[in-house]
């Protein structure tokens, strides 16, 4: 039988060392980088450096923009917390198990002479 050239199997690329926890960007770091980027863009437009003059209506809308964004973020956060509280699942099995542990602990304490 005629065989074609042998091809090495493709193996997944693996890194020789794992990324350290210090090198990985945390969620806080991502938010701070995003805020720094947006803040610097806002400052560049709001401070109107020479050669970059925005029309007056745009400047008037741009100056209070951080306050509007902060209020919008607060509303979003409040809505998210409210939604998560409204859709929180009760765990009846865990509650029953916890009640049994409490009963066993009380019985053990009574057996040792502690009055509850």
PDB file of N, CA and C in Angstrom:
ATOM      1  N   UNK A   1       0.837  -1.181   0.000  1.00  0.00           N
ATOM      2  CA  UNK A   1       0.000   0.000   0.000  1.00  0.00           C
ATOM      3  C   UNK A   1       0.872   1.231   0.000  1.00  0.00           C
ATOM      4  N   UNK A   2       0.330   2.282  -0.536  1.00  0.00           N
ATOM      5  CA  UNK A   2       1.070   3.538  -0.656  1.00  0.00           C
ATOM      6  C   UNK A   2       0.708   4.422   0.534  1.00  0.00           C
ATOM      7  N   UNK A   3       1.739   4.858   1.210  1.00  0.00           N
ATOM      8  CA  UNK A   3       1.532   5.737   2.357  1.00  0.00           C
ATOM      9  C   UNK A   3       2.088   7.111   2.044  1.00  0.00           C
ATOM     10  N   UNK A   4       1.367   8.120   2.588  1.00  0.00           N
ATOM     11  CA  UNK A   4       1.836   9.493   2.411  1.00  0.00           C
ATOM     12  C   UNK A   4       2.888   9.830   3.451  1.00  0.00           C
ATOM     13  N   UNK A   5       3.360  11.041   3.419  1.00  0.00           N
ATOM     14  CA  UNK A   5       4.370  11.447   4.409  1.00  0.00           C
ATOM     15  C   UNK A   5       3.777  11.446   5.810  1.00  0.00           C
ATOM     16  N   UNK A   6       4.595  11.116   6.763  1.00  0.00           N
ATOM     17  CA  UNK A   6       4.148  11.081   8.152  1.00  0.00           C
ATOM     18  C   UNK A   6       4.117  12.502   8.711  1.00  0.00           C
ATOM     19  N   UNK A   7       3.008  12.832   9.344  1.00  0.00           N
ATOM     20  CA  UNK A   7       2.843  14.167   9.914  1.00  0.00           C
ATOM     21  C   UNK A   7       2.764  14.018  11.423  1.00  0.00           C
ATOM     22  N   UNK A   8       3.520  14.851  12.101  1.00  0.00           N
ATOM     23  CA  UNK A   8       3.500  14.817  13.557  1.00  0.00           C
ATOM     24  C   UNK A   8       2.153  15.334  14.051  1.00  0.00           C
ATOM     25  N   UNK A   9       1.607  14.720  15.087  1.00  0.00           N
ATOM     26  CA  UNK A   9       0.325  15.209  15.608  1.00  0.00           C
ATOM     27  C   UNK A   9       0.486  16.612  16.187  1.00  0.00           C
ATOM     28  N   UNK A  10      -0.551  17.410  16.054  1.00  0.00           N
ATOM     29  CA  UNK A  10      -0.534  18.772  16.588  1.00  0.00           C
ATOM     30  C   UNK A  10      -0.899  18.701  18.057  1.00  0.00           C
ATOM     31  N   UNK A  11       0.006  19.158  18.888  1.00  0.00           N
ATOM     32  CA  UNK A  11      -0.220  19.147  20.327  1.00  0.00           C
ATOM     33  C   UNK A  11      -0.603  20.546  20.788  1.00  0.00           C
ATOM     34  N   UNK A  12      -1.389  20.650  21.826  1.00  0.00           N
ATOM     35  CA  UNK A  12      -1.740  21.988  22.314  1.00  0.00           C
ATOM     36  C   UNK A  12      -0.508  22.710  22.842  1.00  0.00           C
ATOM     37  N   UNK A  13      -0.491  24.013  22.617  1.00  0.00           N
ATOM     38  CA  UNK A  13       0.618  24.839  23.077  1.00  0.00           C
ATOM     39  C   UNK A  13       0.541  24.978  24.587  1.00  0.00           C
ATOM     40  N   UNK A  14       1.611  24.674  25.259  1.00  0.00           N
ATOM     41  CA  UNK A  14       1.657  24.812  26.711  1.00  0.00           C
ATOM     42  C   UNK A  14       2.780  25.761  27.078  1.00  0.00           C
ATOM     43  N   UNK A  15       2.518  26.570  28.080  1.00  0.00           N
ATOM     44  CA  UNK A  15       3.539  27.493  28.547  1.00  0.00           C
ATOM     45  C   UNK A  15       4.455  26.761  29.521  1.00  0.00           C
ATOM     46  N   UNK A  16       5.705  27.129  29.524  1.00  0.00           N
ATOM     47  CA  UNK A  16       6.655  26.432  30.370  1.00  0.00           C
ATOM     48  C   UNK A  16       6.441  26.745  31.844  1.00  0.00           C
ATOM     49  N   UNK A  17       5.921  27.941  32.151  1.00  0.00           N
ATOM     50  CA  UNK A  17       5.635  28.253  33.557  1.00  0.00           C
ATOM     51  C   UNK A  17       4.305  28.970  33.632  1.00  0.00           C
ATOM     52  N   UNK A  18       3.641  28.754  34.723  1.00  0.00           N
ATOM     53  CA  UNK A  18       2.327  29.363  34.909  1.00  0.00           C
ATOM     54  C   UNK A  18       2.477  30.836  35.244  1.00  0.00           C
ATOM     55  N   UNK A  19       1.443  31.605  34.945  1.00  0.00           N
ATOM     56  CA  UNK A  19       1.454  33.024  35.272  1.00  0.00           C
ATOM     57  C   UNK A  19       1.286  33.158  36.778  1.00  0.00           C
ATOM     58  N   UNK A  20       2.129  33.957  37.376  1.00  0.00           N
ATOM     59  CA  UNK A  20       2.059  34.117  38.826  1.00  0.00           C
ATOM     60  C   UNK A  20       0.834  34.947  39.197  1.00  0.00           C
ATOM     61  N   UNK A  21       0.323  34.779  40.417  1.00  0.00           N
ATOM     62  CA  UNK A  21      -0.839  35.570  40.834  1.00  0.00           C
ATOM     63  C   UNK A  21      -0.556  37.071  40.810  1.00  0.00           C
ATOM     64  N   UNK A  22       0.689  37.461  41.017  1.00  0.00           N
ATOM     65  CA  UNK A  22       1.027  38.878  40.994  1.00  0.00           C
ATOM     66  C   UNK A  22       0.972  39.432  39.577  1.00  0.00           C
ATOM     67  N   UNK A  23       1.225  38.589  38.561  1.00  0.00           N
ATOM     68  CA  UNK A  23       1.251  39.058  37.188  1.00  0.00           C
ATOM     69  C   UNK A  23      -0.136  39.113  36.576  1.00  0.00           C
ATOM     70  N   UNK A  24      -1.063  38.346  37.083  1.00  0.00           N
ATOM     71  CA  UNK A  24      -2.409  38.338  36.530  1.00  0.00           C
ATOM     72  C   UNK A  24      -3.144  39.603  36.965  1.00  0.00           C
ATOM     73  N   UNK A  25      -3.867  40.202  36.023  1.00  0.00           N
ATOM     74  CA  UNK A  25      -4.598  41.417  36.345  1.00  0.00           C
ATOM     75  C   UNK A  25      -5.902  41.045  37.050  1.00  0.00           C
ATOM     76  N   UNK A  26      -6.110  41.644  38.188  1.00  0.00           N
ATOM     77  CA  UNK A  26      -7.325  41.386  38.936  1.00  0.00           C
ATOM     78  C   UNK A  26      -8.458  42.225  38.367  1.00  0.00           C
ATOM     79  N   UNK A  27      -9.670  41.956  38.821  1.00  0.00           N
ATOM     80  CA  UNK A  27     -10.821  42.727  38.360  1.00  0.00           C
ATOM     81  C   UNK A  27     -10.669  44.188  38.772  1.00  0.00           C
ATOM     82  N   UNK A  28     -10.128  44.418  39.967  1.00  0.00           N
ATOM     83  CA  UNK A  28      -9.900  45.788  40.416  1.00  0.00           C
ATOM     84  C   UNK A  28      -8.921  46.496  39.490  1.00  0.00           C
ATOM     85  N   UNK A  29      -7.852  45.806  39.092  1.00  0.00           N
ATOM     86  CA  UNK A  29      -6.884  46.390  38.174  1.00  0.00           C
ATOM     87  C   UNK A  29      -7.504  46.726  36.833  1.00  0.00           C
ATOM     88  N   UNK A  30      -8.387  45.859  36.342  1.00  0.00           N
ATOM     89  CA  UNK A  30      -9.057  46.134  35.076  1.00  0.00           C
ATOM     90  C   UNK A  30      -9.942  47.366  35.186  1.00  0.00           C
ATOM     91  N   UNK A  31     -10.711  47.466  36.285  1.00  0.00           N
ATOM     92  CA  UNK A  31     -11.572  48.623  36.475  1.00  0.00           C
ATOM     93  C   UNK A  31     -10.744  49.905  36.600  1.00  0.00           C
ATOM     94  N   UNK A  32      -9.647  49.845  37.337  1.00  0.00           N
ATOM     95  CA  UNK A  32      -8.814  51.042  37.503  1.00  0.00           C
ATOM     96  C   UNK A  32      -8.180  51.473  36.188  1.00  0.00           C
ATOM     97  N   UNK A  33      -7.748  50.511  35.375  1.00  0.00           N
ATOM     98  CA  UNK A  33      -7.188  50.857  34.062  1.00  0.00           C
ATOM     99  C   UNK A  33      -8.245  51.484  33.171  1.00  0.00           C
ATOM    100  N   UNK A  34      -9.446  50.926  33.181  1.00  0.00           N
ATOM    101  CA  UNK A  34     -10.537  51.490  32.388  1.00  0.00           C
ATOM    102  C   UNK A  34     -10.913  52.885  32.841  1.00  0.00           C
ATOM    103  N   UNK A  35     -10.987  53.085  34.171  1.00  0.00           N
ATOM    104  CA  UNK A  35     -11.302  54.415  34.694  1.00  0.00           C
ATOM    105  C   UNK A  35     -10.208  55.421  34.372  1.00  0.00           C
ATOM    106  N   UNK A  36      -8.961  54.991  34.437  1.00  0.00           N
ATOM    107  CA  UNK A  36      -7.854  55.893  34.093  1.00  0.00           C
ATOM    108  C   UNK A  36      -7.910  56.281  32.622  1.00  0.00           C
ATOM    109  N   UNK A  37      -8.228  55.334  31.770  1.00  0.00           N
ATOM    110  CA  UNK A  37      -8.335  55.616  30.338  1.00  0.00           C
ATOM    111  C   UNK A  37      -9.478  56.585  30.056  1.00  0.00           C
ATOM    112  N   UNK A  38     -10.652  56.306  30.622  1.00  0.00           N
ATOM    113  CA  UNK A  38     -11.794  57.200  30.410  1.00  0.00           C
ATOM    114  C   UNK A  38     -11.556  58.571  31.043  1.00  0.00           C
ATOM    115  N   UNK A  39     -10.959  58.582  32.225  1.00  0.00           N
ATOM    116  CA  UNK A  39     -10.681  59.854  32.895  1.00  0.00           C
ATOM    117  C   UNK A  39      -9.693  60.711  32.136  1.00  0.00           C
ATOM    118  N   UNK A  40      -8.685  60.086  31.576  1.00  0.00           N
ATOM    119  CA  UNK A  40      -7.710  60.873  30.810  1.00  0.00           C
ATOM    120  C   UNK A  40      -8.317  61.385  29.507  1.00  0.00           C
ATOM    121  N   UNK A  41      -9.185  60.584  28.877  1.00  0.00           N
ATOM    122  CA  UNK A  41      -9.866  61.064  27.663  1.00  0.00           C
ATOM    123  C   UNK A  41     -10.799  62.222  28.000  1.00  0.00           C
ATOM    124  N   UNK A  42     -11.517  62.120  29.123  1.00  0.00           N
ATOM    125  CA  UNK A  42     -12.403  63.195  29.537  1.00  0.00           C
ATOM    126  C   UNK A  42     -11.607  64.460  29.844  1.00  0.00           C
ATOM    127  N   UNK A  43     -10.511  64.312  30.579  1.00  0.00           N
ATOM    128  CA  UNK A  43      -9.694  65.473  30.931  1.00  0.00           C
ATOM    129  C   UNK A  43      -9.108  66.129  29.692  1.00  0.00           C
ATOM    130  N   UNK A  44      -8.695  65.315  28.718  1.00  0.00           N
ATOM    131  CA  UNK A  44      -8.126  65.875  27.491  1.00  0.00           C
ATOM    132  C   UNK A  44      -9.167  66.696  26.732  1.00  0.00           C
ATOM    133  N   UNK A  45     -10.393  66.257  26.740  1.00  0.00           N
ATOM    134  CA  UNK A  45     -11.447  67.008  26.044  1.00  0.00           C
ATOM    135  C   UNK A  45     -11.973  68.174  26.878  1.00  0.00           C
ATOM    136  N   UNK A  46     -12.103  67.981  28.196  1.00  0.00           N
ATOM    137  CA  UNK A  46     -12.688  69.011  29.047  1.00  0.00           C
ATOM    138  C   UNK A  46     -11.731  70.178  29.294  1.00  0.00           C
ATOM    139  N   UNK A  47     -10.447  69.915  29.371  1.00  0.00           N
ATOM    140  CA  UNK A  47      -9.485  70.985  29.646  1.00  0.00           C
ATOM    141  C   UNK A  47      -9.140  71.788  28.402  1.00  0.00           C
ATOM    142  N   UNK A  48      -9.565  71.315  27.260  1.00  0.00           N
ATOM    143  CA  UNK A  48      -9.397  72.014  25.979  1.00  0.00           C
ATOM    144  C   UNK A  48      -7.970  72.494  25.750  1.00  0.00           C
ATOM    145  N   UNK A  49      -7.065  71.560  25.450  1.00  0.00           N
ATOM    146  CA  UNK A  49      -5.696  71.981  25.161  1.00  0.00           C
ATOM    147  C   UNK A  49      -5.652  72.814  23.877  1.00  0.00           C
ATOM    148  N   UNK A  50      -4.575  73.577  23.676  1.00  0.00           N
ATOM    149  CA  UNK A  50      -4.488  74.416  22.470  1.00  0.00           C
ATOM    150  C   UNK A  50      -4.611  73.554  21.203  1.00  0.00           C
ATOM    151  N   UNK A  51      -5.397  74.033  20.282  1.00  0.00           N
ATOM    152  CA  UNK A  51      -5.585  73.310  19.033  1.00  0.00           C
ATOM    153  C   UNK A  51      -6.778  72.375  19.056  1.00  0.00           C
ATOM    154  N   UNK A  52      -7.408  72.198  20.215  1.00  0.00           N
ATOM    155  CA  UNK A  52      -8.567  71.314  20.310  1.00  0.00           C
ATOM    156  C   UNK A  52      -9.671  72.049  21.065  1.00  0.00           C
ATOM    157  N   UNK A  53     -10.480  72.777  20.330  1.00  0.00           N
ATOM    158  CA  UNK A  53     -11.585  73.515  20.929  1.00  0.00           C
ATOM    159  C   UNK A  53     -12.895  72.874  20.507  1.00  0.00           C
ATOM    160  N   UNK A  54     -13.666  72.444  21.482  1.00  0.00           N
ATOM    161  CA  UNK A  54     -14.980  71.880  21.203  1.00  0.00           C
ATOM    162  C   UNK A  54     -16.005  73.007  21.156  1.00  0.00           C
ATOM    163  N   UNK A  55     -17.066  72.826  20.371  1.00  0.00           N
ATOM    164  CA  UNK A  55     -18.141  73.830  20.399  1.00  0.00           C
ATOM    165  C   UNK A  55     -18.752  73.910  21.800  1.00  0.00           C
ATOM    166  N   UNK A  56     -19.318  75.038  22.130  1.00  0.00           N
ATOM    167  CA  UNK A  56     -19.840  75.293  23.474  1.00  0.00           C
ATOM    168  C   UNK A  56     -20.887  74.269  23.912  1.00  0.00           C
ATOM    169  N   UNK A  57     -21.845  73.868  23.067  1.00  0.00           N
ATOM    170  CA  UNK A  57     -22.824  72.876  23.540  1.00  0.00           C
ATOM    171  C   UNK A  57     -22.182  71.538  23.920  1.00  0.00           C
ATOM    172  N   UNK A  58     -21.144  71.147  23.192  1.00  0.00           N
ATOM    173  CA  UNK A  58     -20.457  69.898  23.515  1.00  0.00           C
ATOM    174  C   UNK A  58     -19.698  70.018  24.831  1.00  0.00           C
ATOM    175  N   UNK A  59     -19.059  71.160  25.045  1.00  0.00           N
ATOM    176  CA  UNK A  59     -18.321  71.364  26.298  1.00  0.00           C
ATOM    177  C   UNK A  59     -19.269  71.370  27.484  1.00  0.00           C
ATOM    178  N   UNK A  60     -20.438  71.994  27.327  1.00  0.00           N
ATOM    179  CA  UNK A  60     -21.407  72.050  28.420  1.00  0.00           C
ATOM    180  C   UNK A  60     -21.957  70.666  28.753  1.00  0.00           C
ATOM    181  N   UNK A  61     -22.051  69.797  27.764  1.00  0.00           N
ATOM    182  CA  UNK A  61     -22.498  68.427  28.018  1.00  0.00           C
ATOM    183  C   UNK A  61     -21.365  67.565  28.555  1.00  0.00           C
ATOM    184  N   UNK A  62     -20.131  67.909  28.207  1.00  0.00           N
ATOM    185  CA  UNK A  62     -18.978  67.095  28.605  1.00  0.00           C
ATOM    186  C   UNK A  62     -18.573  67.327  30.058  1.00  0.00           C
ATOM    187  N   UNK A  63     -18.703  68.527  30.555  1.00  0.00           N
ATOM    188  CA  UNK A  63     -18.222  68.836  31.906  1.00  0.00           C
ATOM    189  C   UNK A  63     -18.934  68.026  32.993  1.00  0.00           C
ATOM    190  N   UNK A  64     -20.269  67.895  33.006  1.00  0.00           N
ATOM    191  CA  UNK A  64     -20.899  67.099  34.074  1.00  0.00           C
ATOM    192  C   UNK A  64     -20.959  65.601  33.761  1.00  0.00           C
ATOM    193  N   UNK A  65     -20.349  65.155  32.688  1.00  0.00           N
ATOM    194  CA  UNK A  65     -20.419  63.747  32.289  1.00  0.00           C
ATOM    195  C   UNK A  65     -19.968  62.772  33.382  1.00  0.00           C
ATOM    196  N   UNK A  66     -18.875  63.020  34.136  1.00  0.00           N
ATOM    197  CA  UNK A  66     -18.496  62.073  35.198  1.00  0.00           C
ATOM    198  C   UNK A  66     -19.575  61.905  36.265  1.00  0.00           C
ATOM    199  N   UNK A  67     -20.275  62.987  36.590  1.00  0.00           N
ATOM    200  CA  UNK A  67     -21.343  62.888  37.590  1.00  0.00           C
ATOM    201  C   UNK A  67     -22.473  62.024  37.042  1.00  0.00           C
ATOM    202  N   UNK A  68     -22.847  62.235  35.771  1.00  0.00           N
ATOM    203  CA  UNK A  68     -23.898  61.426  35.155  1.00  0.00           C
ATOM    204  C   UNK A  68     -23.505  59.952  35.119  1.00  0.00           C
ATOM    205  N   UNK A  69     -22.256  59.683  34.783  1.00  0.00           N
ATOM    206  CA  UNK A  69     -21.800  58.295  34.737  1.00  0.00           C
ATOM    207  C   UNK A  69     -21.793  57.660  36.121  1.00  0.00           C
ATOM    208  N   UNK A  70     -21.433  58.426  37.133  1.00  0.00           N
ATOM    209  CA  UNK A  70     -21.440  57.912  38.506  1.00  0.00           C
ATOM    210  C   UNK A  70     -22.862  57.582  38.955  1.00  0.00           C
ATOM    211  N   UNK A  71     -23.825  58.446  38.633  1.00  0.00           N
ATOM    212  CA  UNK A  71     -25.219  58.188  38.984  1.00  0.00           C
ATOM    213  C   UNK A  71     -25.727  56.963  38.227  1.00  0.00           C
ATOM    214  N   UNK A  72     -25.381  56.852  36.941  1.00  0.00           N
ATOM    215  CA  UNK A  72     -25.812  55.693  36.151  1.00  0.00           C
ATOM    216  C   UNK A  72     -25.223  54.403  36.718  1.00  0.00           C
ATOM    217  N   UNK A  73     -23.948  54.432  37.130  1.00  0.00           N
ATOM    218  CA  UNK A  73     -23.319  53.258  37.723  1.00  0.00           C
ATOM    219  C   UNK A  73     -24.002  52.882  39.037  1.00  0.00           C
ATOM    220  N   UNK A  74     -24.364  53.879  39.848  1.00  0.00           N
ATOM    221  CA  UNK A  74     -25.067  53.618  41.094  1.00  0.00           C
ATOM    222  C   UNK A  74     -26.428  52.983  40.849  1.00  0.00           C
ATOM    223  N   UNK A  75     -27.152  53.478  39.847  1.00  0.00           N
ATOM    224  CA  UNK A  75     -28.460  52.895  39.510  1.00  0.00           C
ATOM    225  C   UNK A  75     -28.301  51.457  39.027  1.00  0.00           C
ATOM    226  N   UNK A  76     -27.299  51.228  38.197  1.00  0.00           N
ATOM    227  CA  UNK A  76     -27.053  49.868  37.701  1.00  0.00           C
ATOM    228  C   UNK A  76     -26.707  48.930  38.864  1.00  0.00           C
ATOM    229  N   UNK A  77     -25.856  49.384  39.768  1.00  0.00           N
ATOM    230  CA  UNK A  77     -25.465  48.551  40.907  1.00  0.00           C
ATOM    231  C   UNK A  77     -26.660  48.237  41.797  1.00  0.00           C
ATOM    232  N   UNK A  78     -27.487  49.233  42.053  1.00  0.00           N
ATOM    233  CA  UNK A  78     -28.667  49.031  42.879  1.00  0.00           C
ATOM    234  C   UNK A  78     -29.639  48.057  42.216  1.00  0.00           C
ATOM    235  N   UNK A  79     -29.825  48.190  40.914  1.00  0.00           N
ATOM    236  CA  UNK A  79     -30.722  47.283  40.192  1.00  0.00           C
ATOM    237  C   UNK A  79     -30.168  45.862  40.192  1.00  0.00           C
ATOM    238  N   UNK A  80     -28.856  45.712  40.044  1.00  0.00           N
ATOM    239  CA  UNK A  80     -28.243  44.388  40.042  1.00  0.00           C
ATOM    240  C   UNK A  80     -28.398  43.704  41.400  1.00  0.00           C
ATOM    241  N   UNK A  81     -28.144  44.443  42.466  1.00  0.00           N
ATOM    242  CA  UNK A  81     -28.295  43.875  43.810  1.00  0.00           C
ATOM    243  C   UNK A  81     -29.750  43.509  44.065  1.00  0.00           C
ATOM    244  N   UNK A  82     -30.683  44.375  43.675  1.00  0.00           N
ATOM    245  CA  UNK A  82     -32.102  44.084  43.851  1.00  0.00           C
ATOM    246  C   UNK A  82     -32.539  42.856  43.082  1.00  0.00           C
ATOM    247  N   UNK A  83     -32.066  42.721  41.850  1.00  0.00           N
ATOM    248  CA  UNK A  83     -32.418  41.556  41.038  1.00  0.00           C
ATOM    249  C   UNK A  83     -31.857  40.282  41.653  1.00  0.00           C
ATOM    250  N   UNK A  84     -30.599  40.335  42.088  1.00  0.00           N
ATOM    251  CA  UNK A  84     -29.983  39.143  42.688  1.00  0.00           C
ATOM    252  C   UNK A  84     -30.684  38.748  43.977  1.00  0.00           C
ATOM    253  N   UNK A  85     -31.135  39.731  44.763  1.00  0.00           N
ATOM    254  CA  UNK A  85     -31.872  39.405  45.984  1.00  0.00           C
ATOM    255  C   UNK A  85     -33.238  38.808  45.656  1.00  0.00           C
ATOM    256  N   UNK A  86     -33.879  39.317  44.605  1.00  0.00           N
ATOM    257  CA  UNK A  86     -35.203  38.818  44.244  1.00  0.00           C
ATOM    258  C   UNK A  86     -35.149  37.400  43.686  1.00  0.00           C
ATOM    259  N   UNK A  87     -34.053  37.039  43.048  1.00  0.00           N
ATOM    260  CA  UNK A  87     -33.951  35.720  42.422  1.00  0.00           C
ATOM    261  C   UNK A  87     -33.069  34.765  43.214  1.00  0.00           C
ATOM    262  N   UNK A  88     -32.787  35.099  44.470  1.00  0.00           N
ATOM    263  CA  UNK A  88     -31.933  34.260  45.309  1.00  0.00           C
ATOM    264  C   UNK A  88     -32.668  32.958  45.622  1.00  0.00           C
ATOM    265  N   UNK A  89     -32.003  31.849  45.418  1.00  0.00           N
ATOM    266  CA  UNK A  89     -32.614  30.537  45.655  1.00  0.00           C
ATOM    267  C   UNK A  89     -32.461  30.130  47.119  1.00  0.00           C
ATOM    268  N   UNK A  90     -33.560  29.633  47.683  1.00  0.00           N
ATOM    269  CA  UNK A  90     -33.499  29.060  49.030  1.00  0.00           C
ATOM    270  C   UNK A  90     -32.997  27.628  48.918  1.00  0.00           C
ATOM    271  N   UNK A  91     -32.267  27.202  49.905  1.00  0.00           N
ATOM    272  CA  UNK A  91     -31.743  25.841  49.904  1.00  0.00           C
ATOM    273  C   UNK A  91     -32.332  25.124  51.118  1.00  0.00           C
ATOM    274  N   UNK A  92     -33.476  24.521  50.916  1.00  0.00           N
ATOM    275  CA  UNK A  92     -34.196  23.878  52.018  1.00  0.00           C
ATOM    276  C   UNK A  92     -33.423  22.697  52.600  1.00  0.00           C
ATOM    277  N   UNK A  93     -32.731  21.940  51.746  1.00  0.00           N
ATOM    278  CA  UNK A  93     -31.981  20.784  52.243  1.00  0.00           C
ATOM    279  C   UNK A  93     -30.859  21.230  53.179  1.00  0.00           C
ATOM    280  N   UNK A  94     -30.163  22.278  52.802  1.00  0.00           N
ATOM    281  CA  UNK A  94     -29.069  22.764  53.648  1.00  0.00           C
ATOM    282  C   UNK A  94     -29.615  23.330  54.952  1.00  0.00           C
ATOM    283  N   UNK A  95     -30.762  24.008  54.889  1.00  0.00           N
ATOM    284  CA  UNK A  95     -31.360  24.552  56.110  1.00  0.00           C
ATOM    285  C   UNK A  95     -31.760  23.428  57.062  1.00  0.00           C
ATOM    286  N   UNK A  96     -32.348  22.349  56.525  1.00  0.00           N
ATOM    287  CA  UNK A  96     -32.736  21.212  57.371  1.00  0.00           C
ATOM    288  C   UNK A  96     -31.497  20.551  57.973  1.00  0.00           C
ATOM    289  N   UNK A  97     -30.454  20.408  57.182  1.00  0.00           N
ATOM    290  CA  UNK A  97     -29.213  19.808  57.685  1.00  0.00           C
ATOM    291  C   UNK A  97     -28.610  20.668  58.788  1.00  0.00           C
ATOM    292  N   UNK A  98     -28.653  21.991  58.613  1.00  0.00           N
ATOM    293  CA  UNK A  98     -28.126  22.893  59.632  1.00  0.00           C
ATOM    294  C   UNK A  98     -28.939  22.792  60.917  1.00  0.00           C
ATOM    295  N   UNK A  99     -30.266  22.685  60.802  1.00  0.00           N
ATOM    296  CA  UNK A  99     -31.100  22.510  61.989  1.00  0.00           C
ATOM    297  C   UNK A  99     -30.734  21.230  62.738  1.00  0.00           C
ATOM    298  N   UNK A 100     -30.481  20.146  62.005  1.00  0.00           N
ATOM    299  CA  UNK A 100     -30.080  18.880  62.635  1.00  0.00           C
ATOM    300  C   UNK A 100     -28.744  19.033  63.359  1.00  0.00           C
ATOM    301  N   UNK A 101     -27.793  19.747  62.751  1.00  0.00           N
ATOM    302  CA  UNK A 101     -26.495  19.967  63.404  1.00  0.00           C
ATOM    303  C   UNK A 101     -26.673  20.778  64.682  1.00  0.00           C
ATOM    304  N   UNK A 102     -27.553  21.764  64.641  1.00  0.00           N
ATOM    305  CA  UNK A 102     -27.793  22.580  65.831  1.00  0.00           C
ATOM    306  C   UNK A 102     -28.410  21.732  66.937  1.00  0.00           C
ATOM    307  N   UNK A 103     -29.378  20.890  66.597  1.00  0.00           N
ATOM    308  CA  UNK A 103     -29.991  20.002  67.599  1.00  0.00           C
ATOM    309  C   UNK A 103     -28.954  19.068  68.203  1.00  0.00           C
ATOM    310  N   UNK A 104     -28.084  18.514  67.354  1.00  0.00           N
ATOM    311  CA  UNK A 104     -27.046  17.605  67.855  1.00  0.00           C
ATOM    312  C   UNK A 104     -26.070  18.345  68.758  1.00  0.00           C
ATOM    313  N   UNK A 105     -25.726  19.571  68.406  1.00  0.00           N
ATOM    314  CA  UNK A 105     -24.793  20.352  69.223  1.00  0.00           C
ATOM    315  C   UNK A 105     -25.424  20.697  70.565  1.00  0.00           C
ATOM    316  N   UNK A 106     -26.720  21.057  70.567  1.00  0.00           N
ATOM    317  CA  UNK A 106     -27.399  21.361  71.828  1.00  0.00           C
ATOM    318  C   UNK A 106     -27.471  20.123  72.724  1.00  0.00           C
ATOM    319  N   UNK A 107     -27.788  18.977  72.121  1.00  0.00           N
ATOM    320  CA  UNK A 107     -27.847  17.731  72.901  1.00  0.00           C
ATOM    321  C   UNK A 107     -26.482  17.407  73.492  1.00  0.00           C
ATOM    322  N   UNK A 108     -25.438  17.609  72.731  1.00  0.00           N
ATOM    323  CA  UNK A 108     -24.083  17.347  73.207  1.00  0.00           C
ATOM    324  C   UNK A 108     -23.730  18.285  74.356  1.00  0.00           C
ATOM    325  N   UNK A 109     -24.098  19.556  74.231  1.00  0.00           N
ATOM    326  CA  UNK A 109     -23.811  20.507  75.306  1.00  0.00           C
ATOM    327  C   UNK A 109     -24.617  20.186  76.565  1.00  0.00           C
ATOM    328  N   UNK A 110     -25.880  19.773  76.393  1.00  0.00           N
ATOM    329  CA  UNK A 110     -26.678  19.370  77.564  1.00  0.00           C
ATOM    330  C   UNK A 110     -26.056  18.153  78.241  1.00  0.00           C
ATOM    331  N   UNK A 111     -25.564  17.197  77.438  1.00  0.00           N
ATOM    332  CA  UNK A 111     -24.942  16.000  77.985  1.00  0.00           C
ATOM    333  C   UNK A 111     -23.691  16.369  78.788  1.00  0.00           C
ATOM    334  N   UNK A 112     -23.027  17.424  78.387  1.00  0.00           N
ATOM    335  CA  UNK A 112     -21.816  17.845  79.113  1.00  0.00           C
ATOM    336  C   UNK A 112     -22.135  18.757  80.285  1.00  0.00           C
ATOM    337  N   UNK A 113     -23.417  19.082  80.498  1.00  0.00           N
ATOM    338  CA  UNK A 113     -23.789  19.830  81.683  1.00  0.00           C
ATOM    339  C   UNK A 113     -24.069  21.300  81.431  1.00  0.00           C
ATOM    340  N   UNK A 114     -24.077  21.758  80.225  1.00  0.00           N
ATOM    341  CA  UNK A 114     -24.357  23.166  79.949  1.00  0.00           C
ATOM    342  C   UNK A 114     -25.857  23.333  79.715  1.00  0.00           C
ATOM    343  N   UNK A 115     -26.433  24.331  80.403  1.00  0.00           N
ATOM    344  CA  UNK A 115     -27.868  24.569  80.244  1.00  0.00           C
ATOM    345  C   UNK A 115     -28.069  25.718  79.254  1.00  0.00           C
ATOM    346  N   UNK A 116     -28.964  25.501  78.319  1.00  0.00           N
ATOM    347  CA  UNK A 116     -29.252  26.517  77.294  1.00  0.00           C
ATOM    348  C   UNK A 116     -30.571  27.180  77.542  1.00  0.00           C
TER     349      UNK A 116
END
